[in-house]
C-alpha atoms as a PDB file:
ATOM      1  CA  MET A   1      27.457 -21.115 -99.884  1.00  0.00           C
ATOM      2  CA  ILE A   2      30.532 -22.096 -97.910  1.00  0.00           C
ATOM      3  CA  MET A   3      30.508 -18.736 -96.142  1.00  0.00           C
ATOM      4  CA  LYS A   4      26.826 -19.167 -95.175  1.00  0.00           C
ATOM      5  CA  ARG A   5      27.482 -22.661 -93.820  1.00  0.00           C
ATOM      6  CA  TRP A   6      30.450 -21.362 -91.856  1.00  0.00           C
ATOM      7  CA  LYS A   7      28.305 -18.608 -90.314  1.00  0.00           C
ATOM      8  CA  ASN A   8      25.644 -21.134 -89.342  1.00  0.00           C
ATOM      9  CA  GLU A   9      28.230 -23.388 -87.719  1.00  0.00           C
ATOM     10  CA  MET A  10      29.702 -20.471 -85.786  1.00  0.00           C
ATOM     11  CA  LEU A  11      26.231 -19.414 -84.664  1.00  0.00           C
ATOM     12  CA  VAL A  12      25.545 -22.925 -83.388  1.00  0.00           C
ATOM     13  CA  ARG A  13      28.879 -23.045 -81.577  1.00  0.00           C
ATOM     14  CA  VAL A  14      28.163 -19.711 -79.884  1.00  0.00           C
ATOM     15  CA  VAL A  15      24.512 -20.313 -79.044  1.00  0.00           C
ATOM     16  CA  MET A  16      24.604 -23.973 -77.973  1.00  0.00           C
ATOM     17  CA  PRO A  17      26.648 -23.429 -74.778  1.00  0.00           C
ATOM     18  CA  PHE A  18      24.131 -20.825 -73.631  1.00  0.00           C
ATOM     19  CA  VAL A  19      21.231 -23.107 -74.511  1.00  0.00           C
ATOM     20  CA  SER A  20      22.876 -25.982 -72.638  1.00  0.00           C
ATOM     21  CA  VAL A  21      23.448 -23.842 -69.544  1.00  0.00           C
ATOM     22  CA  PHE A  22      19.872 -22.579 -69.686  1.00  0.00           C
ATOM     23  CA  LEU A  23      18.472 -26.105 -69.977  1.00  0.00           C
ATOM     24  CA  PHE A  24      20.674 -27.296 -67.113  1.00  0.00           C
ATOM     25  CA  PHE A  25      19.511 -24.575 -64.722  1.00  0.00           C
ATOM     26  CA  ALA A  26      15.918 -24.944 -65.896  1.00  0.00           C
ATOM     27  CA  THR A  27      16.102 -28.653 -65.058  1.00  0.00           C
ATOM     28  CA  VAL A  28      17.625 -27.922 -61.625  1.00  0.00           C
ATOM     29  CA  GLU A  29      14.960 -25.280 -60.972  1.00  0.00           C
ATOM     30  CA  LEU A  30      12.165 -27.660 -61.921  1.00  0.00           C
ATOM     31  CA  PHE A  31      13.599 -30.398 -59.700  1.00  0.00           C
ATOM     32  CA  LEU A  32      13.946 -28.046 -56.698  1.00  0.00           C
ATOM     33  CA  ARG A  33      10.366 -26.887 -57.099  1.00  0.00           C
ATOM     34  CA  VAL A  34       9.090 -30.458 -57.331  1.00  0.00           C
ATOM     35  CA  ILE A  35      10.806 -31.420 -54.063  1.00  0.00           C
ATOM     36  CA  HIS A  36       9.677 -28.145 -52.406  1.00  0.00           C
ATOM     37  CA  PHE A  37      13.200 -26.991 -51.721  1.00  0.00           C
ATOM     38  CA  GLU A  38      11.862 -23.753 -50.180  1.00  0.00           C
ATOM     39  CA  GLU A  39      10.882 -25.812 -47.134  1.00  0.00           C
ATOM     40  CA  VAL A  40      14.417 -27.154 -46.619  1.00  0.00           C
ATOM     41  CA  THR A  41      16.974 -25.452 -44.369  1.00  0.00           C
ATOM     42  CA  PHE A  42      20.539 -26.561 -43.713  1.00  0.00           C
ATOM     43  CA  SER A  43      22.261 -23.610 -42.084  1.00  0.00           C
ATOM     44  CA  PRO A  44      25.134 -24.030 -39.628  1.00  0.00           C
ATOM     45  CA  SER A  45      23.991 -24.829 -36.112  1.00  0.00           C
ATOM     46  CA  GLY A  46      23.612 -21.771 -33.935  1.00  0.00           C
ATOM     47  CA  VAL A  47      23.262 -19.252 -36.756  1.00  0.00           C
ATOM     48  CA  PHE A  48      19.955 -17.423 -36.494  1.00  0.00           C
ATOM     49  CA  GLN A  49      20.486 -14.595 -38.984  1.00  0.00           C
ATOM     50  CA  ALA A  50      22.728 -14.978 -42.017  1.00  0.00           C
ATOM     51  CA  PHE A  51      24.356 -11.591 -42.129  1.00  0.00           C
ATOM     52  CA  LEU A  52      26.919 -10.638 -44.765  1.00  0.00           C
ATOM     53  CA  GLY A  53      23.947  -9.010 -46.468  1.00  0.00           C
ATOM     54  CA  LYS A  54      22.103 -12.342 -46.747  1.00  0.00           C
ATOM     55  CA  PRO A  55      19.532 -12.394 -43.931  1.00  0.00           C
ATOM     56  CA  THR A  56      17.144 -14.520 -45.960  1.00  0.00           C
ATOM     57  CA  ASP A  57      19.648 -17.278 -46.685  1.00  0.00           C
ATOM     58  CA  SER A  58      19.978 -18.883 -43.257  1.00  0.00           C
ATOM     59  CA  GLN A  59      17.119 -20.390 -41.285  1.00  0.00           C
ATOM     60  CA  MET A  60      14.456 -18.126 -42.725  1.00  0.00           C
ATOM     61  CA  VAL A  61      12.377 -20.020 -45.255  1.00  0.00           C
ATOM     62  CA  ASN A  62      12.826 -18.851 -48.806  1.00  0.00           C
ATOM     63  CA  GLY A  63       9.972 -16.617 -49.956  1.00  0.00           C
ATOM     64  CA  ASP A  64       8.884 -15.490 -46.500  1.00  0.00           C
ATOM     65  CA  VAL A  65      11.060 -12.391 -46.420  1.00  0.00           C
ATOM     66  CA  LEU A  66      12.649  -9.920 -48.815  1.00  0.00           C
ATOM     67  CA  ARG A  67      15.962  -8.150 -48.499  1.00  0.00           C
ATOM     68  CA  ASP A  68      15.775  -4.512 -47.509  1.00  0.00           C
ATOM     69  CA  ALA A  69      18.654  -2.065 -47.808  1.00  0.00           C
ATOM     70  CA  GLU A  70      17.760  -0.233 -44.586  1.00  0.00           C
ATOM     71  CA  LEU A  71      15.967  -2.839 -42.466  1.00  0.00           C
ATOM     72  CA  PHE A  72      18.064  -5.837 -43.667  1.00  0.00           C
ATOM     73  CA  TRP A  73      14.876  -7.824 -44.315  1.00  0.00           C
ATOM     74  CA  ARG A  74      11.107  -7.394 -44.259  1.00  0.00           C
ATOM     75  CA  MET A  75       8.102  -9.637 -44.731  1.00  0.00           C
ATOM     76  CA  ASN A  76       7.168 -10.473 -48.293  1.00  0.00           C
ATOM     77  CA  PRO A  77       3.901  -8.569 -48.906  1.00  0.00           C
ATOM     78  CA  LYS A  78       2.874 -11.037 -51.622  1.00  0.00           C
ATOM     79  CA  ARG A  79       2.421 -13.862 -49.129  1.00  0.00           C
ATOM     80  CA  ASP A  80      -1.155 -14.461 -48.111  1.00  0.00           C
ATOM     81  CA  ASP A  81      -1.001 -17.993 -46.656  1.00  0.00           C
ATOM     82  CA  ASP A  82       0.191 -16.594 -43.322  1.00  0.00           C
ATOM     83  CA  GLY A  83      -1.828 -13.380 -43.343  1.00  0.00           C
ATOM     84  CA  ILE A  84       0.904 -11.215 -44.886  1.00  0.00           C
ATOM     85  CA  TRP A  85      -0.874  -8.576 -46.940  1.00  0.00           C
ATOM     86  CA  SER A  86       0.340  -5.805 -49.221  1.00  0.00           C
ATOM     87  CA  GLN A  87       1.495  -3.543 -46.373  1.00  0.00           C
ATOM     88  CA  GLY A  88       3.889  -6.162 -45.041  1.00  0.00           C
ATOM     89  CA  PHE A  89       2.031  -6.653 -41.744  1.00  0.00           C
ATOM     90  CA  ARG A  90       0.856 -10.011 -40.463  1.00  0.00           C
ATOM     91  CA  GLU A  91      -2.701  -8.923 -40.934  1.00  0.00           C
ATOM     92  CA  ILE A  92      -5.948 -10.139 -42.435  1.00  0.00           C
ATOM     93  CA  LYS A  93      -6.737  -6.730 -43.915  1.00  0.00           C
ATOM     94  CA  THR A  94      -5.107  -3.522 -45.091  1.00  0.00           C
ATOM     95  CA  TYR A  95      -5.156  -0.226 -43.205  1.00  0.00           C
ATOM     96  CA  PRO A  96      -5.684   3.211 -44.738  1.00  0.00           C
ATOM     97  CA  ILE A  97      -2.643   5.404 -44.174  1.00  0.00           C
ATOM     98  CA  GLU A  98      -4.968   8.332 -43.535  1.00  0.00           C
ATOM     99  CA  LYS A  99      -6.493   7.179 -40.269  1.00  0.00           C
ATOM    100  CA  PRO A 100     -10.291   7.675 -40.013  1.00  0.00           C
ATOM    101  CA  VAL A 101     -11.241  10.225 -37.350  1.00  0.00           C
ATOM    102  CA  ASP A 102     -13.397   7.745 -35.436  1.00  0.00           C
ATOM    103  CA  ILE A 103     -10.634   5.114 -35.126  1.00  0.00           C
ATOM    104  CA  LEU A 104      -8.212   4.657 -32.259  1.00  0.00           C
ATOM    105  CA  ARG A 105      -5.160   2.917 -33.708  1.00  0.00           C
ATOM    106  CA  ILE A 106      -2.727   0.808 -31.695  1.00  0.00           C
ATOM    107  CA  VAL A 107       0.436  -0.466 -33.403  1.00  0.00           C
ATOM    108  CA  CYS A 108       2.374  -3.440 -31.994  1.00  0.00           C
ATOM    109  CA  LEU A 109       6.048  -3.001 -32.849  1.00  0.00           C
ATOM    110  CA  GLY A 110       8.464  -5.807 -32.096  1.00  0.00           C
ATOM    111  CA  ASP A 111       9.893  -9.168 -33.063  1.00  0.00           C
ATOM    112  CA  SER A 112       8.514 -12.675 -33.590  1.00  0.00           C
ATOM    113  CA  VAL A 113       6.690 -12.688 -30.227  1.00  0.00           C
ATOM    114  CA  PRO A 114       4.018 -10.127 -31.208  1.00  0.00           C
ATOM    115  CA  TYR A 115       4.204 -11.480 -34.765  1.00  0.00           C
ATOM    116  CA  GLY A 116       3.008 -14.793 -33.355  1.00  0.00           C
ATOM    117  CA  ILE A 117       5.496 -17.459 -34.385  1.00  0.00           C
ATOM    118  CA  GLY A 118       3.903 -20.879 -33.904  1.00  0.00           C
ATOM    119  CA  VAL A 119       0.279 -19.677 -33.851  1.00  0.00           C
ATOM    120  CA  SER A 120      -2.193 -18.494 -36.477  1.00  0.00           C
ATOM    121  CA  VAL A 121      -2.879 -14.857 -37.344  1.00  0.00           C
ATOM    122  CA  TYR A 122      -6.021 -14.875 -35.236  1.00  0.00           C
ATOM    123  CA  GLU A 123      -4.180 -16.406 -32.261  1.00  0.00           C
ATOM    124  CA  SER A 124      -1.429 -13.765 -32.074  1.00  0.00           C
ATOM    125  CA  TYR A 125      -1.898 -11.458 -29.104  1.00  0.00           C
ATOM    126  CA  PRO A 126      -2.357  -8.259 -31.199  1.00  0.00           C
ATOM    127  CA  LYS A 127      -5.402  -9.773 -32.886  1.00  0.00           C
ATOM    128  CA  ILE A 128      -6.756 -11.180 -29.627  1.00  0.00           C
ATOM    129  CA  LEU A 129      -6.230  -7.757 -28.030  1.00  0.00           C
ATOM    130  CA  GLU A 130      -8.150  -6.084 -30.854  1.00  0.00           C
ATOM    131  CA  LYS A 131     -11.077  -8.434 -30.336  1.00  0.00           C
ATOM    132  CA  ILE A 132     -11.093  -7.876 -26.550  1.00  0.00           C
ATOM    133  CA  LEU A 133     -10.931  -4.080 -26.786  1.00  0.00           C
ATOM    134  CA  ASN A 134     -13.657  -3.798 -29.408  1.00  0.00           C
ATOM    135  CA  TYR A 135     -15.884  -5.985 -27.236  1.00  0.00           C
ATOM    136  CA  MET A 136     -15.218  -3.973 -24.065  1.00  0.00           C
ATOM    137  CA  PHE A 137     -14.944  -0.435 -25.432  1.00  0.00           C
ATOM    138  CA  TRP A 138     -17.453   1.714 -27.268  1.00  0.00           C
ATOM    139  CA  GLN A 139     -14.999   3.169 -29.773  1.00  0.00           C
ATOM    140  CA  LYS A 140     -13.699   1.369 -32.857  1.00  0.00           C
ATOM    141  CA  ILE A 141     -10.134   0.228 -32.141  1.00  0.00           C
ATOM    142  CA  GLU A 142      -7.548  -1.133 -34.568  1.00  0.00           C
ATOM    143  CA  VAL A 143      -4.556  -3.145 -33.373  1.00  0.00           C
ATOM    144  CA  VAL A 144      -1.953  -3.424 -36.137  1.00  0.00           C
ATOM    145  CA  ASN A 145       0.470  -6.350 -35.884  1.00  0.00           C
ATOM    146  CA  ALA A 146       3.767  -4.825 -37.033  1.00  0.00           C
ATOM    147  CA  GLY A 147       5.893  -7.540 -35.426  1.00  0.00           C
ATOM    148  CA  MET A 148       8.766  -8.758 -37.594  1.00  0.00           C
ATOM    149  CA  PRO A 149      10.565 -12.077 -36.958  1.00  0.00           C
ATOM    150  CA  GLY A 150      14.181 -11.559 -36.009  1.00  0.00           C
ATOM    151  CA  TYR A 151      13.970  -7.796 -35.499  1.00  0.00           C
ATOM    152  CA  SER A 152      16.174  -6.074 -32.951  1.00  0.00           C
ATOM    153  CA  SER A 153      15.561  -2.704 -31.292  1.00  0.00           C
ATOM    154  CA  PHE A 154      17.840  -1.204 -33.959  1.00  0.00           C
ATOM    155  CA  GLN A 155      15.613  -2.471 -36.766  1.00  0.00           C
ATOM    156  CA  CYS A 156      12.409  -1.565 -34.897  1.00  0.00           C
ATOM    157  CA  LEU A 157      13.583   2.033 -34.543  1.00  0.00           C
ATOM    158  CA  ARG A 158      14.341   2.270 -38.259  1.00  0.00           C
ATOM    159  CA  TYR A 159      11.070   0.524 -39.141  1.00  0.00           C
ATOM    160  CA  LEU A 160       9.094   2.958 -37.007  1.00  0.00           C
ATOM    161  CA  LYS A 161      10.795   5.993 -38.550  1.00  0.00           C
ATOM    162  CA  ARG A 162      10.512   4.861 -42.146  1.00  0.00           C
ATOM    163  CA  ASP A 163       7.257   2.932 -42.404  1.00  0.00           C
ATOM    164  CA  LEU A 164       5.035   3.176 -39.330  1.00  0.00           C
ATOM    165  CA  LEU A 165       4.805   6.867 -38.410  1.00  0.00           C
ATOM    166  CA  LYS A 166       2.669   7.524 -41.480  1.00  0.00           C
ATOM    167  CA  TYR A 167      -0.058   5.273 -40.028  1.00  0.00           C
ATOM    168  CA  GLN A 168      -0.572   7.813 -37.217  1.00  0.00           C
ATOM    169  CA  PRO A 169      -0.719   5.486 -34.202  1.00  0.00           C
ATOM    170  CA  ASP A 170      -2.443   6.681 -31.031  1.00  0.00           C
ATOM    171  CA  LEU A 171      -0.632   4.049 -28.973  1.00  0.00           C
ATOM    172  CA  LEU A 172       2.546   2.139 -29.727  1.00  0.00           C
ATOM    173  CA  LEU A 173       3.199  -1.162 -27.955  1.00  0.00           C
ATOM    174  CA  VAL A 174       6.926  -1.988 -28.042  1.00  0.00           C
ATOM    175  CA  HIS A 175       7.911  -5.623 -27.446  1.00  0.00           C
ATOM    176  CA  VAL A 176      11.554  -6.273 -28.287  1.00  0.00           C
ATOM    177  CA  GLY A 177      14.718  -7.660 -26.720  1.00  0.00           C
ATOM    178  CA  PRO A 178      15.778 -11.275 -27.414  1.00  0.00           C
ATOM    179  CA  ASN A 179      17.295 -10.560 -30.826  1.00  0.00           C
ATOM    180  CA  ASP A 180      19.429  -7.741 -29.442  1.00  0.00           C
ATOM    181  CA  ARG A 181      21.301 -10.311 -27.373  1.00  0.00           C
ATOM    182  CA  ALA A 182      21.551 -12.828 -30.207  1.00  0.00           C
ATOM    183  CA  ALA A 183      24.984 -13.460 -31.695  1.00  0.00           C
ATOM    184  CA  ALA A 184      25.949 -11.145 -34.537  1.00  0.00           C
ATOM    185  CA  VAL A 185      27.580 -13.131 -37.317  1.00  0.00           C
ATOM    186  CA  TYR A 186      30.338 -10.942 -38.800  1.00  0.00           C
ATOM    187  CA  PHE A 187      28.575  -7.601 -38.165  1.00  0.00           C
ATOM    188  CA  ALA A 188      26.560  -5.999 -35.376  1.00  0.00           C
ATOM    189  CA  ASP A 189      23.331  -4.402 -36.565  1.00  0.00           C
ATOM    190  CA  LYS A 190      24.643  -0.857 -36.706  1.00  0.00           C
ATOM    191  CA  GLU A 191      27.741  -2.056 -38.610  1.00  0.00           C
ATOM    192  CA  GLN A 192      25.819  -3.815 -41.362  1.00  0.00           C
ATOM    193  CA  PRO A 193      27.054  -2.788 -44.822  1.00  0.00           C
ATOM    194  CA  ARG A 194      24.294  -1.126 -46.820  1.00  0.00           C
ATOM    195  CA  SER A 195      23.873  -2.378 -50.371  1.00  0.00           C
ATOM    196  CA  PRO A 196      22.645  -0.076 -53.155  1.00  0.00           C
ATOM    197  CA  GLN A 197      18.916  -0.406 -53.753  1.00  0.00           C
ATOM    198  CA  TRP A 198      19.411  -1.765 -57.293  1.00  0.00           C
ATOM    199  CA  ILE A 199      21.445  -4.666 -55.908  1.00  0.00           C
ATOM    200  CA  VAL A 200      18.788  -5.394 -53.280  1.00  0.00           C
ATOM    201  CA  ASP A 201      16.083  -5.321 -55.966  1.00  0.00           C
ATOM    202  CA  MET A 202      18.111  -7.673 -58.153  1.00  0.00           C
ATOM    203  CA  GLN A 203      18.640 -10.089 -55.240  1.00  0.00           C
ATOM    204  CA  ASN A 204      14.924 -10.083 -54.467  1.00  0.00           C
ATOM    205  CA  THR A 205      14.165 -10.827 -58.118  1.00  0.00           C
ATOM    206  CA  LEU A 206      16.693 -13.666 -58.251  1.00  0.00           C
ATOM    207  CA  GLY A 207      15.383 -14.908 -54.908  1.00  0.00           C
ATOM    208  CA  ARG A 208      12.219 -16.076 -56.663  1.00  0.00           C
ATOM    209  CA  PHE A 209      14.283 -18.873 -58.190  1.00  0.00           C
ATOM    210  CA  GLN A 210      15.062 -21.956 -56.123  1.00  0.00           C
ATOM    211  CA  THR A 211      18.394 -22.413 -57.921  1.00  0.00           C
ATOM    212  CA  TYR A 212      19.592 -19.018 -56.720  1.00  0.00           C
ATOM    213  CA  SER A 213      18.450 -19.840 -53.198  1.00  0.00           C
ATOM    214  CA  LEU A 214      20.358 -23.138 -53.299  1.00  0.00           C
ATOM    215  CA  LEU A 215      23.580 -21.479 -54.478  1.00  0.00           C
ATOM    216  CA  SER A 216      23.241 -18.685 -51.896  1.00  0.00           C
ATOM    217  CA  ARG A 217      22.783 -21.134 -49.046  1.00  0.00           C
ATOM    218  CA  ILE A 218      25.732 -23.260 -50.152  1.00  0.00           C
ATOM    219  CA  ILE A 219      28.008 -20.206 -50.374  1.00  0.00           C
ATOM    220  CA  PHE A 220      26.916 -18.960 -46.954  1.00  0.00           C
ATOM    221  CA  TYR A 221      27.284 -22.395 -45.390  1.00  0.00           C
ATOM    222  CA  PHE A 222      30.848 -22.937 -46.549  1.00  0.00           C
ATOM    223  CA  ARG A 223      31.885 -19.354 -45.886  1.00  0.00           C
ATOM    224  CA  TYR A 224      30.659 -19.621 -42.322  1.00  0.00           C
ATOM    225  CA  LYS A 225      31.945 -23.158 -41.804  1.00  0.00           C
ATOM    226  CA  PHE A 226      35.386 -23.018 -43.368  1.00  0.00           C
ATOM    227  CA  TRP A 227      36.458 -19.754 -44.953  1.00  0.00           C
ATOM    228  CA  THR A 228      35.811 -16.870 -42.590  1.00  0.00           C
ATOM    229  CA  LYS A 229      35.932 -16.911 -38.832  1.00  0.00           C
ATOM    230  CA  PRO A 230      32.924 -14.932 -37.601  1.00  0.00           C
ATOM    231  CA  LEU A 231      33.230 -12.297 -34.926  1.00  0.00           C
ATOM    232  CA  MET A 232      30.669 -13.387 -32.331  1.00  0.00           C
ATOM    233  CA  LYS A 233      29.197 -10.495 -30.359  1.00  0.00           C
ATOM    234  CA  PRO A 234      25.685  -9.248 -29.585  1.00  0.00           C
ATOM    235  CA  ARG A 235      23.739  -7.862 -32.491  1.00  0.00           C
ATOM    236  CA  VAL A 236      22.962  -4.798 -30.368  1.00  0.00           C
ATOM    237  CA  SER A 237      25.032  -3.746 -27.359  1.00  0.00           C
ATOM    238  CA  PHE A 238      23.261  -2.949 -24.096  1.00  0.00           C
ATOM    239  CA  GLU A 239      24.135   0.742 -24.468  1.00  0.00           C
ATOM    240  CA  ASP A 240      22.714   0.843 -27.991  1.00  0.00           C
ATOM    241  CA  TYR A 241      19.611  -1.061 -26.843  1.00  0.00           C
ATOM    242  CA  ARG A 242      18.911   1.613 -24.240  1.00  0.00           C
ATOM    243  CA  LYS A 243      19.519   4.387 -26.776  1.00  0.00           C
ATOM    244  CA  ASN A 244      17.228   2.757 -29.342  1.00  0.00           C
ATOM    245  CA  LEU A 245      14.374   2.573 -26.828  1.00  0.00           C
ATOM    246  CA  ALA A 246      14.998   6.174 -25.757  1.00  0.00           C
ATOM    247  CA  ASP A 247      14.825   7.261 -29.404  1.00  0.00           C
ATOM    248  CA  ILE A 248      11.524   5.395 -29.814  1.00  0.00           C
ATOM    249  CA  VAL A 249      10.138   7.261 -26.786  1.00  0.00           C
ATOM    250  CA  GLU A 250      11.317  10.547 -28.291  1.00  0.00           C
ATOM    251  CA  LEU A 251       9.587   9.731 -31.587  1.00  0.00           C
ATOM    252  CA  GLY A 252       6.360   9.090 -29.715  1.00  0.00           C
ATOM    253  CA  ARG A 253       6.670  12.358 -27.832  1.00  0.00           C
ATOM    254  CA  ASN A 254       7.364  14.342 -31.009  1.00  0.00           C
ATOM    255  CA  ASN A 255       4.546  12.710 -32.961  1.00  0.00           C
ATOM    256  CA  GLY A 256       1.865  12.733 -30.278  1.00  0.00           C
ATOM    257  CA  PHE A 257       1.430   9.079 -29.398  1.00  0.00           C
ATOM    258  CA  GLN A 258       1.944   7.158 -26.167  1.00  0.00           C
ATOM    259  CA  ILE A 259       4.615   4.455 -25.878  1.00  0.00           C
ATOM    260  CA  ILE A 260       3.827   1.325 -23.848  1.00  0.00           C
ATOM    261  CA  PHE A 261       6.640  -1.172 -23.286  1.00  0.00           C
ATOM    262  CA  LEU A 262       6.271  -4.903 -22.785  1.00  0.00           C
ATOM    263  CA  PRO A 263       9.187  -6.708 -21.115  1.00  0.00           C
ATOM    264  CA  SER A 264      10.896  -9.458 -23.095  1.00  0.00           C
ATOM    265  CA  LEU A 265      10.185 -12.628 -21.126  1.00  0.00           C
ATOM    266  CA  ARG A 266      12.434 -15.655 -21.130  1.00  0.00           C
ATOM    267  CA  LYS A 267      11.751 -19.107 -19.756  1.00  0.00           C
ATOM    268  CA  ASP A 268      14.612 -21.550 -19.351  1.00  0.00           C
ATOM    269  CA  LYS A 269      16.283 -23.661 -16.662  1.00  0.00           C
ATOM    270  CA  LYS A 270      16.726 -20.573 -14.516  1.00  0.00           C
ATOM    271  CA  GLY A 271      12.972 -20.038 -14.472  1.00  0.00           C
ATOM    272  CA  LEU A 272      10.851 -17.234 -15.903  1.00  0.00           C
ATOM    273  CA  TYR A 273      12.474 -13.804 -15.931  1.00  0.00           C
ATOM    274  CA  GLN A 274      12.800 -10.514 -17.808  1.00  0.00           C
ATOM    275  CA  LEU A 275      15.664 -10.587 -20.297  1.00  0.00           C
ATOM    276  CA  LEU A 276      16.456  -6.858 -20.545  1.00  0.00           C
ATOM    277  CA  PRO A 277      15.451  -3.806 -18.481  1.00  0.00           C
ATOM    278  CA  LEU A 278      13.060  -1.193 -19.837  1.00  0.00           C
ATOM    279  CA  PRO A 279      13.613   2.587 -19.795  1.00  0.00           C
ATOM    280  CA  GLU A 280      13.174   4.219 -16.409  1.00  0.00           C
ATOM    281  CA  LYS A 281       9.928   6.147 -15.835  1.00  0.00           C
ATOM    282  CA  SER A 282       8.357   4.548 -18.910  1.00  0.00           C
ATOM    283  CA  MET A 283       4.873   3.093 -19.054  1.00  0.00           C
ATOM    284  CA  ALA A 284       5.246  -0.681 -19.014  1.00  0.00           C
ATOM    285  CA  VAL A 285       2.919  -3.651 -18.725  1.00  0.00           C
ATOM    286  CA  ASP A 286       3.837  -5.882 -15.772  1.00  0.00           C
ATOM    287  CA  SER A 287       3.442  -9.069 -17.793  1.00  0.00           C
ATOM    288  CA  LEU A 288       6.277 -10.804 -15.932  1.00  0.00           C
ATOM    289  CA  ARG A 289       4.307 -10.861 -12.676  1.00  0.00           C
ATOM    290  CA  VAL A 290       1.136 -12.043 -14.431  1.00  0.00           C
ATOM    291  CA  PHE A 291       2.940 -14.847 -16.250  1.00  0.00           C
ATOM    292  CA  GLN A 292       4.712 -15.955 -13.082  1.00  0.00           C
ATOM    293  CA  GLU A 293       1.370 -16.176 -11.317  1.00  0.00           C
ATOM    294  CA  ASN A 294      -0.250 -18.158 -14.136  1.00  0.00           C
ATOM    295  CA  GLN A 295       2.556 -20.380 -15.444  1.00  0.00           C
ATOM    296  CA  LYS A 296       1.251 -23.429 -13.586  1.00  0.00           C
ATOM    297  CA  ASN A 297      -2.276 -23.102 -14.958  1.00  0.00           C
ATOM    298  CA  ALA A 298      -1.457 -23.835 -18.621  1.00  0.00           C
ATOM    299  CA  PRO A 299       1.579 -24.087 -20.940  1.00  0.00           C
ATOM    300  CA  LEU A 300       2.412 -20.477 -21.851  1.00  0.00           C
ATOM    301  CA  PHE A 301       5.612 -20.886 -23.898  1.00  0.00           C
ATOM    302  CA  LEU A 302       6.408 -22.837 -27.056  1.00  0.00           C
ATOM    303  CA  ASP A 303      10.132 -22.372 -26.395  1.00  0.00           C
ATOM    304  CA  GLU A 304      12.251 -19.907 -24.446  1.00  0.00           C
ATOM    305  CA  CYS A 305      10.343 -16.821 -25.609  1.00  0.00           C
ATOM    306  CA  HIS A 306       7.510 -17.581 -28.070  1.00  0.00           C
ATOM    307  CA  LEU A 307       4.005 -17.899 -26.680  1.00  0.00           C
ATOM    308  CA  THR A 308       1.450 -20.669 -26.991  1.00  0.00           C
ATOM    309  CA  VAL A 309      -2.170 -19.863 -27.779  1.00  0.00           C
ATOM    310  CA  SER A 310      -2.788 -19.676 -24.017  1.00  0.00           C
ATOM    311  CA  GLY A 311       0.245 -17.421 -23.626  1.00  0.00           C
ATOM    312  CA  ASN A 312      -0.977 -15.069 -26.338  1.00  0.00           C
ATOM    313  CA  GLN A 313      -4.424 -14.975 -24.725  1.00  0.00           C
ATOM    314  CA  LEU A 314      -2.919 -14.143 -21.337  1.00  0.00           C
ATOM    315  CA  MET A 315      -0.711 -11.438 -22.856  1.00  0.00           C
ATOM    316  CA  ALA A 316      -3.701  -9.838 -24.614  1.00  0.00           C
ATOM    317  CA  ASN A 317      -5.764  -9.897 -21.415  1.00  0.00           C
ATOM    318  CA  THR A 318      -2.909  -8.361 -19.437  1.00  0.00           C
ATOM    319  CA  ILE A 319      -2.422  -5.541 -21.950  1.00  0.00           C
ATOM    320  CA  ALA A 320      -6.164  -4.837 -22.132  1.00  0.00           C
ATOM    321  CA  GLU A 321      -6.410  -4.553 -18.335  1.00  0.00           C
ATOM    322  CA  PHE A 322      -3.395  -2.223 -18.285  1.00  0.00           C
ATOM    323  CA  LEU A 323      -4.847   0.062 -20.976  1.00  0.00           C
ATOM    324  CA  LEU A 324      -8.229   0.267 -19.274  1.00  0.00           C
ATOM    325  CA  LYS A 325      -6.752   0.774 -15.796  1.00  0.00           C
ATOM    326  CA  ASN A 326      -4.598   3.667 -17.036  1.00  0.00           C
ATOM    327  CA  ASN A 327      -7.386   5.271 -19.079  1.00  0.00           C
ATOM    328  CA  LEU A 328      -5.382   4.949 -22.304  1.00  0.00           C
ATOM    329  CA  LEU A 329      -8.306   4.186 -24.593  1.00  0.00           C
ATOM    330  CA  THR A 330      -9.735   7.698 -24.846  1.00  0.00           C
ATOM    331  CA  LYS A 331      -8.995   9.344 -28.137  1.00  0.00           C
ATOM    332  CA  LYS A 332      -9.319  12.834 -26.601  1.00  0.00           C
ATOM    333  CA  ARG A 333      -6.084  12.049 -24.782  1.00  0.00           C
ATOM    334  CA  TYR A 334      -4.158  12.253 -28.062  1.00  0.00           C
ATOM    335  CA  SER A 335      -5.943  15.160 -29.774  1.00  0.00           C
END
């Protein structure tokens, strides 16, 4: 009898601390969900991406993105409030990987500008472009919005190789640049340490909990603020930017699709200008000239680079005119 009571007491002593810890974190988790902690950000000023393997722990809202061992982060395919469907595109539908023979498929590869930060899915220029082309052209045309917020040319190249080639694009619109020049916190893109996939999967699983997100943000904040002095340099050097674009062109050539570049536009106190040059002898939309001519007609920019609804409409119109003028909407061209 004494032995049984002793065992019960020992069991309580061993189990109770675990129960107490569980109840504590469960209470914290419930509180964070009640106050909608996922909508709160408190990253250090000036930090756009939280590197150190934690790209989702800075200014990106918890739940929007998932960690990715190769791409650093990608859109969460389970989100549907912002048009993010199972394929990870900002789209209102899914696309068959095996492209139908009667479809001409255009893929928009780039950063948050083609993604459409600040506007709805339908107001992003890829979706406006799709509507324009299907109205003007006899053939069924798909325009896939593969823009990813925060992506550099380094990530776009990897994304194209790994995920987008299988969709068999006929045309690839490439719109990238601002994030290449953004400050790299601790590591440039090509220097990013690559975590094993099981660790990434575990982090994505834990990332569903607000408590984990809170702890991750606190650790990043204090590490950046007090513990480790970051090495501030561009995420992608100019030489690597040029090489990444050249490699994208080579992929298009080897896989039978045309590459069309869009210049990265920037509007600040200096005026409206092109941030980075495009490859020589490449096909490029002269959107800079069009925007300079129309900037007094309506507000075109939400900030230094993201477009208003009017800006997205103008961009779509400009691309459509370029494609039609250069006879790029004939599927026979790519067969």
